[in-house]
Protein backbone atom coordinates (compact mmCIF):
# COMPACT_ATOMS: atom_id res chain seq x y z
CA MET A 1 0.03 0.13 -0.04
CA GLU A 2 1.17 3.50 -0.94
CA LYS A 3 0.48 6.76 0.82
CA ASN A 4 -0.04 9.62 -1.62
CA ALA A 5 0.79 13.31 -0.81
CA ASP A 6 -2.82 13.98 -0.38
CA GLY A 7 -2.97 11.63 2.44
CA THR A 8 -4.84 8.88 0.57
CA ILE A 9 -3.87 5.28 0.73
CA ILE A 10 -3.86 3.33 -2.58
CA LEU A 11 -3.24 -0.33 -3.58
CA GLU A 12 0.26 -0.19 -5.22
CA HIS A 13 1.49 -3.52 -5.74
CA PHE A 14 0.43 -7.47 -5.10
CA ASN A 15 1.99 -10.62 -5.49
CA VAL A 16 0.94 -13.96 -7.08
CA ALA A 17 -1.01 -15.06 -4.18
CA ALA A 18 -3.13 -12.19 -3.83
CA GLU A 19 -3.90 -12.58 -7.58
CA THR A 20 -4.72 -16.06 -7.06
CA MET A 21 -6.99 -15.39 -4.04
CA SER A 22 -8.70 -12.82 -6.14
CA ASN A 23 -8.97 -15.07 -9.13
CA GLY A 24 -6.81 -12.50 -11.23
CA LYS A 25 -9.31 -9.70 -10.57
CA ILE A 26 -6.93 -7.61 -8.15
CA GLU A 27 -5.11 -6.00 -10.90
CA GLU A 28 -8.25 -4.17 -11.84
CA LYS A 29 -8.09 -2.54 -8.37
CA LEU A 30 -4.76 -0.99 -8.68
CA GLY A 31 -4.51 2.56 -7.65
CA MET A 32 -7.94 2.38 -5.72
CA ASP A 33 -8.25 4.00 -2.70
CA VAL A 34 -8.59 1.60 0.29
CA ARG A 35 -11.49 3.47 1.43
CA ASP A 36 -13.21 2.37 -1.89
CA PHE A 37 -11.67 -1.00 -1.88
CA PHE A 38 -13.34 -1.94 1.57
CA LYS A 39 -16.46 0.48 1.26
CA ASP A 40 -18.52 -2.18 2.82
CA ARG A 41 -16.09 -2.59 5.87
CA PRO A 42 -14.70 1.03 6.63
CA GLU A 43 -13.24 -0.40 9.93
CA ILE A 44 -10.97 -2.43 7.90
CA ALA A 45 -9.94 0.50 5.69
CA GLN A 46 -9.18 2.60 8.79
CA ARG A 47 -6.82 0.03 10.05
CA PHE A 48 -4.28 1.02 7.29
CA TYR A 49 -4.61 4.90 8.43
CA ASP A 50 -3.95 3.79 11.76
CA CYS A 51 -1.03 1.72 11.35
CA PHE A 52 0.52 4.72 9.11
CA GLU A 53 -0.38 7.01 11.83
CA THR A 54 0.96 5.04 14.77
CA GLY A 55 3.54 2.94 13.23
CA ILE A 56 2.13 -0.18 15.34
CA ASN A 57 2.17 -3.29 13.35
CA LYS A 58 -0.71 -5.35 13.77
CA ARG A 59 -2.27 -8.82 13.30
CA ILE A 60 -5.88 -9.29 13.03
CA GLU A 61 -8.39 -12.06 12.31
CA THR A 62 -11.20 -10.90 10.38
CA HIS A 63 -14.20 -12.03 8.37
CA PHE A 64 -15.11 -10.21 5.53
CA LYS A 65 -16.38 -10.48 1.89
CA LEU A 66 -13.67 -10.14 -0.79
CA THR A 67 -14.18 -7.20 -3.23
CA THR A 68 -12.62 -9.14 -6.00
CA THR A 69 -14.82 -12.26 -5.76
CA ASN A 70 -17.59 -11.44 -3.11
CA ASP A 71 -16.50 -14.61 -1.18
CA GLU A 72 -17.04 -14.41 2.62
CA LYS A 73 -14.12 -15.96 4.44
CA TRP A 74 -11.81 -16.01 7.51
CA PHE A 75 -8.40 -14.27 7.04
CA LEU A 76 -5.66 -13.49 9.12
CA ALA A 77 -4.18 -9.94 8.27
CA ASP A 78 -0.83 -8.36 9.20
CA TYR A 79 -0.59 -4.60 8.81
CA ILE A 80 3.17 -3.55 8.74
CA LYS A 81 4.46 -0.10 8.34
CA ILE A 82 7.50 -0.18 5.93
CA SER A 83 8.11 3.33 5.52
CA ASP A 84 6.32 6.83 5.70
CA GLU A 85 4.92 6.16 2.11
CA TYR A 86 4.57 2.29 2.15
CA LEU A 87 2.66 -0.38 4.13
CA LEU A 88 2.73 -4.10 3.85
CA ASN A 89 -0.63 -5.97 4.01
CA ILE A 90 -0.21 -9.55 4.24
CA THR A 91 -3.51 -11.38 4.13
CA ILE A 92 -3.76 -15.53 4.64
CA ASP A 93 -6.80 -17.34 3.89
CA ILE A 94 -7.61 -19.39 7.47
CA ASN A 95 -11.15 -19.93 6.51
CA GLU A 96 -11.18 -23.95 6.83
CA GLN A 97 -8.96 -23.62 9.74
CA LYS A 98 -11.37 -21.09 11.43
CA ILE A 99 -14.32 -23.01 10.75
CA THR A 100 -13.04 -26.22 12.31
CA GLU A 101 -12.02 -24.08 15.31
CA LEU A 102 -15.26 -22.32 15.87
CA ALA A 103 -17.15 -25.78 15.34
CA LEU A 104 -14.82 -27.33 18.19
CA GLN A 105 -15.44 -24.04 20.42
CA GLU A 106 -19.30 -24.76 19.65
CA ASN A 107 -18.82 -28.41 20.79
CA GLN A 108 -17.22 -27.74 23.81
CA ARG A 109 -19.62 -25.02 24.82
CA GLN A 110 -22.24 -27.65 24.19
CA LEU A 111 -20.50 -30.04 26.20
CA SER A 112 -19.67 -27.65 28.98
CA THR A 113 -23.61 -26.63 29.21
CA LEU A 114 -24.46 -30.45 29.17
CA PHE A 115 -22.09 -31.04 32.15
CA GLU A 116 -23.45 -28.05 33.91
CA ASN A 117 -26.94 -29.13 33.71
CA LEU A 118 -26.57 -33.02 33.76
CA PRO A 119 -28.09 -34.42 36.88
CA GLY A 120 -24.89 -36.13 37.92
CA MET A 121 -21.26 -35.84 37.97
CA ALA A 122 -19.02 -36.50 34.66
CA TYR A 123 -15.46 -37.53 35.73
CA ARG A 124 -11.99 -38.36 34.43
CA CYS A 125 -9.65 -40.08 36.90
CA LYS A 126 -6.44 -41.94 37.18
CA ASN A 127 -6.53 -45.57 37.80
CA ASP A 128 -4.65 -45.61 40.99
CA PRO A 129 -5.48 -46.57 44.49
CA ASP A 130 -7.10 -43.40 45.07
CA TRP A 131 -8.70 -42.75 41.61
CA ILE A 132 -7.35 -39.24 41.46
CA MET A 133 -9.67 -37.07 39.84
CA GLU A 134 -8.44 -35.06 36.81
CA PHE A 135 -11.66 -33.81 36.02
CA VAL A 136 -15.01 -33.17 37.70
CA SER A 137 -18.23 -31.78 36.30
CA ALA A 138 -20.21 -29.06 37.99
CA GLY A 139 -22.82 -31.65 38.96
CA GLY A 140 -20.15 -33.10 41.37
CA GLU A 141 -20.96 -30.61 44.23
CA GLU A 142 -24.71 -31.40 44.19
CA LEU A 143 -24.00 -35.14 43.95
CA THR A 144 -21.35 -35.21 47.01
CA GLY A 145 -21.67 -31.87 48.69
CA TYR A 146 -18.05 -31.34 48.16
CA PRO A 147 -16.75 -28.40 45.87
CA THR A 148 -15.28 -29.72 42.80
CA GLU A 149 -12.04 -28.16 43.31
CA ASP A 150 -11.89 -30.28 46.51
CA LEU A 151 -12.21 -33.26 44.44
CA ILE A 152 -9.75 -32.57 41.87
CA GLU A 153 -6.43 -33.97 42.13
CA ASN A 154 -7.81 -35.20 45.70
CA ARG A 155 -6.96 -31.62 46.80
CA LYS A 156 -9.17 -32.22 50.19
CA ILE A 157 -10.59 -35.65 49.73
CA SER A 158 -10.45 -38.53 47.30
CA TYR A 159 -13.53 -39.84 45.71
CA LEU A 160 -12.49 -43.31 47.18
CA LYS A 161 -13.30 -42.18 50.55
CA ILE A 162 -16.74 -41.00 49.64
CA ILE A 163 -17.75 -44.29 48.66
CA HIS A 164 -19.33 -46.24 51.64
CA PRO A 165 -16.81 -48.17 53.35
CA GLU A 166 -18.76 -51.42 52.72
CA ASP A 167 -19.14 -50.91 49.21
CA ARG A 168 -15.42 -49.92 48.19
CA GLN A 169 -14.26 -53.33 47.69
CA LYS A 170 -17.15 -54.44 45.44
CA VAL A 171 -16.81 -51.27 43.29
CA ASN A 172 -13.03 -51.61 43.11
CA ASP A 173 -13.54 -55.36 41.88
CA VAL A 174 -16.27 -54.45 39.33
CA VAL A 175 -14.24 -51.72 37.84
CA GLN A 176 -10.87 -53.55 37.64
CA LYS A 177 -12.39 -56.54 36.16
CA SER A 178 -14.19 -54.46 33.48
CA LEU A 179 -10.85 -52.56 32.75
CA ASN A 180 -8.97 -55.84 32.62
CA GLN A 181 -11.42 -57.07 29.94
CA LYS A 182 -11.52 -53.31 28.05
CA ASP A 183 -15.42 -53.31 28.68
CA ASN A 184 -17.55 -50.80 29.89
CA PHE A 185 -18.78 -51.11 33.37
CA GLU A 186 -21.89 -50.07 35.46
CA ILE A 187 -22.41 -50.57 39.14
CA THR A 188 -24.84 -49.24 41.93
CA TYR A 189 -23.66 -48.53 45.37
CA ARG A 190 -23.67 -46.14 48.24
CA ILE A 191 -21.68 -42.98 49.03
CA ILE A 192 -21.54 -40.70 52.03
CA THR A 193 -22.02 -37.11 51.27
CA ALA A 194 -20.27 -33.95 53.04
CA ASP A 195 -23.05 -33.79 55.36
CA HIS A 196 -22.99 -37.56 56.28
CA GLN A 197 -25.91 -38.31 54.34
CA GLU A 198 -26.08 -41.70 52.55
CA LYS A 199 -26.94 -41.76 48.81
CA TRP A 200 -27.13 -44.56 46.33
CA VAL A 201 -25.65 -43.76 42.96
CA TRP A 202 -25.27 -45.58 39.77
CA GLU A 203 -21.96 -45.40 37.95
CA LYS A 204 -21.16 -46.25 34.12
CA GLY A 205 -17.79 -45.88 32.94
CA GLN A 206 -14.82 -47.10 30.86
CA GLY A 207 -11.10 -47.29 30.24
CA ILE A 208 -9.42 -44.95 27.79
CA PHE A 209 -6.35 -46.77 26.14
CA ASN A 210 -3.54 -45.48 23.86
CA ASP A 211 -2.47 -46.92 20.58
CA GLU A 212 -0.27 -49.25 22.41
CA GLY A 213 -3.37 -50.71 24.34
CA GLU A 214 -2.30 -49.09 27.67
CA LEU A 215 -4.91 -47.59 30.02
CA THR A 216 -4.40 -43.73 30.39
CA VAL A 217 -7.59 -42.67 32.35
CA ILE A 218 -11.14 -43.63 33.49
CA GLU A 219 -14.08 -41.67 32.16
CA GLY A 220 -17.51 -41.88 33.27
CA PHE A 221 -20.70 -40.63 34.60
CA ILE A 222 -22.29 -40.96 38.30
CA SER A 223 -25.63 -40.07 39.00
CA ASP A 224 -27.91 -40.15 42.09
CA VAL A 225 -30.49 -42.95 42.13
CA THR A 226 -31.33 -42.66 45.85
CA GLU A 227 -35.28 -42.07 45.36
CA HIS A 228 -35.20 -44.97 42.57
CA ILE A 229 -33.65 -47.37 45.09
CA LEU A 230 -35.48 -46.47 47.99
CA THR A 231 -38.72 -46.84 46.10
CA GLU A 232 -37.72 -50.22 44.87
CA GLN A 233 -36.53 -51.28 48.57
CA ALA A 234 -39.85 -49.98 49.88
CA ALA A 235 -41.65 -52.11 47.23
CA GLU A 236 -39.88 -55.16 47.97
CA LYS A 237 -40.27 -54.67 51.65
CA ALA A 238 -43.90 -54.28 51.45
CA LYS A 239 -44.23 -57.06 49.10
CA MET A 240 -42.25 -59.17 51.69
CA GLN A 241 -44.59 -57.68 54.57
CA ALA A 242 -47.60 -58.72 52.73
CA GLN A 243 -46.29 -62.23 52.09
CA ALA A 244 -45.11 -62.24 55.78
CA LEU A 245 -48.63 -61.10 56.96
CA LYS A 246 -50.30 -63.51 54.50
CA GLN A 247 -48.58 -66.30 55.75
CA ALA A 248 -48.65 -65.49 59.38
CA LEU A 249 -52.69 -65.23 59.25
CA GLU A 250 -53.03 -68.32 57.36
CA ASP A 251 -50.86 -69.91 60.26
CA LEU A 252 -53.29 -68.43 62.66
CA SER A 253 -56.26 -69.23 60.86
CA SER A 254 -55.25 -72.85 60.94
CA GLN A 255 -55.55 -72.94 64.57
CA LEU A 256 -59.09 -73.58 66.05
CA GLU A 257 -58.90 -73.64 69.73
CA LEU A 258 -58.48 -70.37 71.75
CA SER A 259 -55.61 -71.36 73.95
CA GLN A 260 -53.53 -72.14 70.68
CA VAL A 261 -54.48 -68.95 68.94
CA LEU A 262 -53.32 -66.93 71.70
CA ARG A 263 -49.90 -68.45 71.77
CA ARG A 264 -49.36 -68.32 68.24
CA ILE A 265 -50.49 -64.77 67.53
CA LEU A 266 -47.04 -63.38 68.94
CA VAL A 267 -45.06 -66.12 67.07
CA SER A 268 -46.71 -64.85 64.01
CA LEU A 269 -46.34 -61.34 64.44
CA LYS A 270 -42.59 -61.86 64.79
CA THR A 271 -42.47 -62.90 61.16
CA VAL A 272 -44.07 -59.81 59.99
CA LEU A 273 -42.58 -57.09 62.39
CA ASP A 274 -39.30 -57.49 64.53
CA PHE A 275 -39.44 -57.00 68.13
CA ASP A 276 -37.29 -57.95 71.17
CA SER A 277 -40.37 -58.66 73.33
CA ALA A 278 -44.35 -58.48 72.98
CA THR A 279 -47.43 -58.80 74.79
CA LEU A 280 -51.16 -59.61 74.09
CA PHE A 281 -53.79 -58.37 76.39
CA LEU A 282 -57.56 -58.95 76.17
CA LYS A 283 -60.11 -56.74 77.81
CA GLU A 284 -61.95 -58.45 80.74
CA GLN A 285 -64.52 -56.13 82.08
CA ASP A 286 -62.41 -53.11 83.54
CA ARG A 287 -59.04 -54.68 83.54
CA PHE A 288 -56.60 -55.84 80.65
CA LYS A 289 -55.52 -59.37 81.09
CA VAL A 290 -52.17 -60.90 79.77
CA VAL A 291 -52.94 -63.74 77.59
CA ALA A 292 -49.89 -64.29 75.65
CA ALA A 293 -46.16 -62.77 76.03
CA ARG A 294 -42.86 -63.43 74.19
CA GLY A 295 -39.42 -62.27 74.47
CA PHE A 296 -39.15 -61.89 78.42
CA ASP A 297 -36.79 -63.51 80.70
CA ASN A 298 -39.88 -64.97 82.82
CA THR A 299 -42.66 -65.02 80.32
CA SER A 300 -44.81 -67.49 82.36
CA ARG A 301 -45.08 -65.00 85.54
CA LEU A 302 -46.74 -62.47 82.87
CA ILE A 303 -49.46 -64.72 82.03
CA ASN A 304 -52.83 -63.96 83.53
CA LYS A 305 -51.15 -60.72 85.06
CA THR A 306 -53.97 -57.91 84.89
CA PHE A 307 -53.79 -54.22 84.53
CA PRO A 308 -56.17 -51.63 85.44
CA ALA A 309 -58.09 -49.98 82.74
CA THR A 310 -56.74 -46.75 84.27
CA ASP A 311 -53.44 -47.64 82.99
CA LEU A 312 -52.44 -44.38 80.98
CA LEU A 313 -50.94 -45.73 78.03
CA LEU A 314 -53.42 -48.64 77.48
CA ARG A 315 -56.22 -46.38 78.23
CA GLU A 316 -55.25 -44.12 75.29
CA ILE A 317 -54.88 -46.78 72.88
CA GLN A 318 -58.31 -47.64 73.60
CA THR A 319 -59.39 -44.15 73.19
CA VAL A 320 -57.62 -43.02 70.24
CA ASN A 321 -58.61 -46.23 68.48
CA ALA A 322 -54.99 -46.28 66.64
CA PRO A 323 -51.71 -47.44 67.22
CA ILE A 324 -49.31 -45.27 69.37
CA ILE A 325 -45.65 -45.09 68.96
CA LEU A 326 -43.18 -44.14 71.55
CA GLU A 327 -39.66 -43.16 70.38
CA ASP A 328 -37.99 -44.01 73.84
CA ALA A 329 -40.33 -45.47 76.37
CA GLN A 330 -38.12 -44.68 79.19
CA ASN A 331 -38.31 -41.01 78.68
CA ASP A 332 -42.36 -41.04 78.59
CA PRO A 333 -43.99 -40.56 82.00
CA ARG A 334 -47.06 -42.72 80.57
CA PHE A 335 -44.85 -45.82 80.27
CA LYS A 336 -45.37 -48.06 83.20
CA GLN A 337 -42.21 -50.09 84.41
CA TRP A 338 -42.79 -53.95 84.84
CA GLU A 339 -41.40 -57.09 84.06
CA GLY A 340 -38.46 -56.57 81.82
CA SER A 341 -39.53 -52.90 80.62
CA GLU A 342 -36.25 -51.55 81.81
CA TYR A 343 -34.82 -52.53 78.44
CA VAL A 344 -37.53 -51.31 76.46
CA ARG A 345 -36.68 -48.25 74.37
CA GLY A 346 -38.75 -48.29 70.87
CA TRP A 347 -42.67 -49.03 71.85
CA MET A 348 -45.72 -49.49 70.04
CA GLY A 349 -49.06 -50.09 71.19
CA VAL A 350 -51.76 -51.61 68.73
CA PRO A 351 -55.41 -51.99 69.44
CA LEU A 352 -57.71 -54.93 68.62
CA PHE A 353 -61.03 -54.26 67.24
CA ARG A 354 -63.91 -56.58 66.23
CA HIS A 355 -67.17 -55.12 65.07
CA ASP A 356 -65.96 -51.73 66.36
CA GLU A 357 -65.57 -53.34 69.76
CA PHE A 358 -62.47 -52.92 71.51
CA ILE A 359 -61.46 -56.32 72.69
CA GLY A 360 -57.68 -56.10 73.46
CA LEU A 361 -54.34 -54.63 72.57
CA MET A 362 -50.78 -55.56 71.70
CA THR A 363 -47.71 -53.97 73.03
CA ILE A 364 -44.44 -54.32 70.81
CA ASP A 365 -41.16 -53.51 72.43
CA ASN A 366 -37.61 -52.98 71.00
CA HIS A 367 -34.26 -52.42 72.80
CA LYS A 368 -33.49 -49.71 70.14
CA PRO A 369 -35.10 -46.00 70.37
CA ALA A 370 -36.91 -44.85 67.69
CA ALA A 371 -37.58 -48.48 66.36
CA TYR A 372 -40.98 -48.12 64.68
CA THR A 373 -42.55 -45.82 62.09
CA GLN A 374 -46.06 -45.15 60.78
CA GLU A 375 -45.35 -47.75 58.16
CA ASP A 376 -44.82 -50.23 60.97
CA ALA A 377 -47.91 -49.12 62.65
CA SER A 378 -50.07 -49.59 59.89
CA LEU A 379 -48.67 -53.04 59.18
CA ALA A 380 -49.09 -53.81 62.80
CA LEU A 381 -52.79 -52.74 62.90
CA SER A 382 -53.39 -54.59 59.91
CA PHE A 383 -52.25 -57.91 61.45
CA ALA A 384 -54.10 -56.94 64.60
CA ASN A 385 -57.49 -56.47 62.71
CA SER A 386 -57.12 -59.88 61.41
CA ALA A 387 -55.81 -61.50 64.71
CA ALA A 388 -58.92 -59.95 66.22
CA ILE A 389 -61.03 -61.90 63.73
CA VAL A 390 -59.14 -65.00 64.28
CA ILE A 391 -59.55 -64.66 68.11
CA GLU A 392 -63.35 -64.16 67.60
CA ASN A 393 -63.50 -67.34 65.50
CA ALA A 394 -61.64 -69.30 68.21
CA ARG A 395 -63.92 -68.12 70.87
CA LEU A 396 -66.76 -69.16 68.92
CA PHE A 397 -65.22 -72.38 68.09
CA ASP A 398 -64.42 -72.97 71.78
CA GLN A 399 -68.17 -72.15 72.57
CA THR A 400 -69.29 -74.28 70.23
CA GLN A 401 -66.89 -77.41 71.29
CA GLN A 402 -68.22 -76.48 75.06
CA MET A 403 -71.85 -76.76 73.76
CA ALA A 404 -71.12 -80.02 71.80
CA LEU A 405 -69.11 -81.55 74.95
CA THR A 406 -71.01 -80.30 77.89
CA ASP A 407 -74.63 -80.51 79.33
CA THR A 408 -76.12 -76.94 78.47
CA LEU A 409 -78.04 -77.12 81.75
CA THR A 410 -75.49 -77.97 84.46
CA GLY A 411 -72.16 -77.26 82.51
CA VAL A 412 -70.75 -80.88 83.08
CA TYR A 413 -69.74 -83.17 80.17
CA ASN A 414 -72.35 -84.88 78.30
CA ARG A 415 -72.73 -88.48 77.99
CA ARG A 416 -70.82 -88.78 74.26
CA TYR A 417 -67.98 -86.87 75.64
CA PHE A 418 -67.60 -88.73 79.00
CA TYR A 419 -67.66 -91.80 76.84
CA GLU A 420 -64.63 -90.47 74.84
CA LEU A 421 -62.54 -89.53 77.93
CA ALA A 422 -63.44 -92.96 79.60
CA LEU A 423 -62.30 -94.94 76.58
CA LYS A 424 -58.82 -93.34 76.88
CA GLU A 425 -58.75 -93.90 80.71
CA PHE A 426 -60.08 -97.48 80.36
CA ALA A 427 -57.21 -98.26 77.85
CA ARG A 428 -54.58 -96.60 80.13
CA SER A 429 -55.75 -98.73 83.24
CA LYS A 430 -55.73 -101.85 81.01
CA ARG A 431 -52.37 -101.42 79.70
CA TYR A 432 -50.82 -100.69 83.11
CA GLN A 433 -53.26 -102.53 85.12
CA ASP A 434 -54.10 -99.33 87.34
CA PRO A 435 -57.34 -99.24 89.28
CA LEU A 436 -60.23 -97.34 87.68
CA SER A 437 -63.67 -96.86 89.32
CA ILE A 438 -67.18 -95.58 88.04
CA ILE A 439 -70.01 -94.24 90.29
CA MET A 440 -73.42 -94.29 88.79
CA ILE A 441 -75.93 -91.93 90.32
CA ASP A 442 -79.71 -91.58 90.48
CA ILE A 443 -81.71 -88.70 92.16
CA ASP A 444 -84.43 -90.52 94.09
CA HIS A 445 -87.90 -89.41 93.43
CA PHE A 446 -86.66 -86.70 90.89
CA LYS A 447 -90.23 -86.50 89.27
CA ASN A 448 -91.85 -85.44 92.62
CA VAL A 449 -89.72 -82.30 92.54
CA ASN A 450 -90.78 -81.41 88.86
CA ASP A 451 -94.35 -82.33 89.72
CA ARG A 452 -94.56 -80.38 93.02
CA TYR A 453 -92.42 -77.46 92.25
CA GLY A 454 -92.16 -77.37 88.37
CA HIS A 455 -89.55 -78.01 85.98
CA LEU A 456 -87.64 -74.67 86.54
CA ALA A 457 -87.20 -75.48 90.06
CA GLY A 458 -86.14 -79.15 88.95
CA ASP A 459 -83.43 -77.43 86.82
CA GLN A 460 -82.40 -75.32 89.96
CA VAL A 461 -82.00 -78.50 91.95
CA LEU A 462 -79.85 -80.29 89.22
CA MET A 463 -77.49 -77.18 89.13
CA GLN A 464 -77.19 -76.86 92.77
CA PHE A 465 -76.79 -80.67 93.00
CA VAL A 466 -73.84 -80.69 90.37
CA GLN A 467 -71.90 -77.91 92.32
CA ARG A 468 -72.30 -80.00 95.78
CA ILE A 469 -70.75 -83.06 93.87
CA GLN A 470 -67.99 -81.03 92.12
CA ASN A 471 -66.68 -79.78 95.29
CA GLU A 472 -66.09 -83.27 96.52
CA LEU A 473 -64.24 -84.48 93.42
CA ARG A 474 -60.50 -84.30 92.54
CA ALA A 475 -59.57 -82.43 89.44
CA SER A 476 -58.79 -85.62 87.79
CA ASP A 477 -62.23 -87.08 88.25
CA VAL A 478 -64.79 -86.64 85.56
CA LEU A 479 -68.29 -85.77 86.21
CA ALA A 480 -70.94 -86.05 83.27
CA ARG A 481 -74.81 -85.97 82.88
CA PHE A 482 -75.77 -89.52 81.87
CA GLY A 483 -79.61 -88.68 80.99
CA GLY A 484 -82.27 -87.12 83.05
CA GLU A 485 -81.62 -87.21 86.71
CA GLU A 486 -78.82 -89.73 86.20
CA PHE A 487 -75.06 -88.72 86.59
CA ILE A 488 -71.93 -90.87 86.05
CA ILE A 489 -68.49 -90.38 87.70
CA LEU A 490 -64.89 -91.70 86.49
CA LEU A 491 -62.25 -91.96 89.06
CA PRO A 492 -58.90 -92.79 87.88
CA GLU A 493 -56.35 -94.48 89.71
CA THR A 494 -59.23 -95.38 92.30
CA ASN A 495 -59.84 -98.78 93.76
CA LEU A 496 -63.32 -100.11 94.74
CA GLY A 497 -63.00 -99.31 98.38
CA ASP A 498 -61.85 -95.71 97.86
CA ALA A 499 -64.54 -95.06 95.29
CA THR A 500 -67.23 -96.67 97.58
CA GLN A 501 -66.07 -93.90 100.24
CA VAL A 502 -66.38 -91.22 97.76
CA ALA A 503 -69.85 -92.41 96.79
CA GLU A 504 -71.00 -92.28 100.47
CA ARG A 505 -69.57 -88.94 100.83
CA LEU A 506 -71.46 -87.64 98.20
CA ARG A 507 -74.66 -89.21 99.38
CA GLU A 508 -74.13 -87.42 102.74
CA VAL A 509 -73.44 -84.08 101.20
CA THR A 510 -76.52 -84.43 99.15
CA SER A 511 -79.22 -85.31 101.89
CA GLN A 512 -77.64 -83.23 104.74
CA TYR A 513 -78.69 -79.63 103.51
CA PRO A 514 -81.76 -78.47 101.73
CA PHE A 515 -81.78 -77.12 98.09
CA LEU A 516 -83.02 -73.80 97.95
CA LEU A 517 -85.48 -72.89 95.53
CA VAL A 518 -87.03 -69.54 94.46
CA THR A 519 -90.30 -69.59 96.69
CA ALA A 520 -89.34 -72.81 98.86
CA GLN A 521 -86.69 -75.46 99.65
CA THR A 522 -86.69 -79.22 99.51
CA PHE A 523 -84.16 -82.17 100.29
CA ILE A 524 -83.31 -84.68 98.03
CA THR A 525 -81.43 -88.08 98.26
CA ILE A 526 -79.51 -90.31 95.76
CA SER A 527 -78.73 -93.79 95.19
CA LEU A 528 -75.21 -94.74 93.75
CA GLY A 529 -73.65 -97.76 92.26
CA VAL A 530 -69.82 -98.29 92.31
CA SER A 531 -67.89 -100.64 89.95
CA CYS A 532 -64.10 -101.13 89.39
CA PHE A 533 -61.90 -102.31 86.71
CA LYS A 534 -60.41 -105.73 87.33
CA PHE A 535 -58.14 -107.88 85.19
CA THR A 536 -61.26 -109.87 84.16
CA THR A 537 -63.06 -106.51 82.90
CA ILE A 538 -63.45 -106.81 79.07
CA SER A 539 -64.58 -103.43 77.93
CA LEU A 540 -65.89 -100.01 79.26
CA ASP A 541 -69.32 -100.86 78.48
CA GLN A 542 -69.10 -103.87 81.01
CA LEU A 543 -67.44 -101.52 83.68
CA ILE A 544 -70.60 -99.00 83.28
CA ASP A 545 -73.08 -101.84 83.11
CA GLU A 546 -71.64 -103.17 86.57
CA SER A 547 -72.15 -99.57 88.04
CA ASP A 548 -75.52 -99.49 86.73
CA LYS A 549 -76.45 -102.87 88.16
CA ALA A 550 -75.00 -102.05 91.50
CA LEU A 551 -77.32 -98.63 91.07
CA TYR A 552 -80.36 -100.88 90.61
CA GLU A 553 -79.64 -102.88 93.78
CA ALA A 554 -79.35 -99.58 95.67
CA LYS A 555 -82.73 -98.55 94.58
CA GLN A 556 -83.99 -101.95 95.28
CA PHE A 557 -82.87 -101.88 98.80
CA GLY A 558 -84.49 -98.79 99.66
CA ARG A 559 -82.86 -95.73 97.99
CA ASN A 560 -80.43 -93.22 99.45
CA ARG A 561 -77.61 -95.79 99.80
CA VAL A 562 -74.43 -96.95 98.10
CA ARG A 563 -73.90 -100.51 96.60
CA SER A 564 -70.81 -101.87 95.06
CA TRP A 565 -70.92 -104.31 92.24
CA GLN A 566 -69.78 -107.73 93.53
CA GLN A 567 -69.29 -110.46 90.95
CA LYS A 568 -72.26 -113.22 91.84
């Protein structure tokens, strides 16, 4: 470029490269003022004037349209002042290089934006014992709670130490195995964050190898999957609890006798909900009675123990109709200290309802504080509701069994069940040759009582008579109503002489005092026949028949007496 005397700058010379760049058109521009040459880009023309004025050489990347070809390209332009009259302008076509550079910058920008917004941590680390981080994305701080600069080069903490101590070996084994096989790896494990919270993370990574197959770094991505894992764990826990609850209730439902059901309830509860000790109470009028206990040192001492309905916690459970949880029972003034309770910390009380009626409750103890949650309370309540149904069914079964086995008026065994019990005792006596006696009883002239005072009075006499007889018998003796005003007694391990003495005593207590009726009183007497098992006795029926024959003799000889069967 040449500067004229009037101060204008014109194009004076060009080389072959400039001619090529302009497709041979630059020659047409010789002698043209640079202001005209760059009329669309006056800032470029100004650079020439500035260079002449200041004498400062410049190198500038610029993007413009060639005047000669109208091509828009990137150029690298040098402005060099040679003298006061001449300036050298060297222009290099860097279009392809610049486009590549800009594309790379855009990719890096997009990648940076992606890393900053990814819900996790991208990383690059060395494969050394501490996995020293060379790069950690911005998401690392949100994931771990540590600033990314603390993680890079392990400035303050290594990522390895963030991994949960119980999971470190597992993570290392999986990563190293995959690297040895030059495979990608995926693993889920726990980390401990800067604020000491436990998180579940999922990591996917791979080793980066050079042309010689040598491992240079490990690159990967780690994301927080705590919510997903906890949801899965909760679903699995709920599934297992549902299965355990179903199995426990099936086990309970298989029991029919109330005593068996009460013993099994806490055993089944243990399969559903963990506890160190537990107690089952049933309400009896204004008291709570312990009917089952588990996990105490002296469980047997607790059975049948009663608590008043005024007990604060037990009363509150009944009042609120819902489970009550104590994080630490020892710090709760409502908690009553009793057998083994000094070890109880976490505690839960669960009501039992049937047809909206409170029938009892369960107390569940744990030696750890805050052991139970509302989720546990819901599970325990589901169990309790089903247990209440099973208890009611067992009670009905016991009542039905009792009705089937006993005489509805007097409450003693009926003839059928007496025969079942007597068969077992007869078989035992026959096997071991132990004595076994039977007393057959008939109330003398009982028809006269019914005719004179009415059948209701007759029923009163029968019930009072049974009470008198039972007071004279042992717990092992079996009394039954044989029919009408006839009764029969089985006396295990009792010989004929002793059985006769018992019969005589029964006769005396019957005739000694009057029987009190609603509007009167009456005396009654009884006749009794006694028989005893002998080695010649063939069957229970024979033994009963012999006592019946002895009774017949007593009645024939005037009633109100005892006769023992003697082989004629």
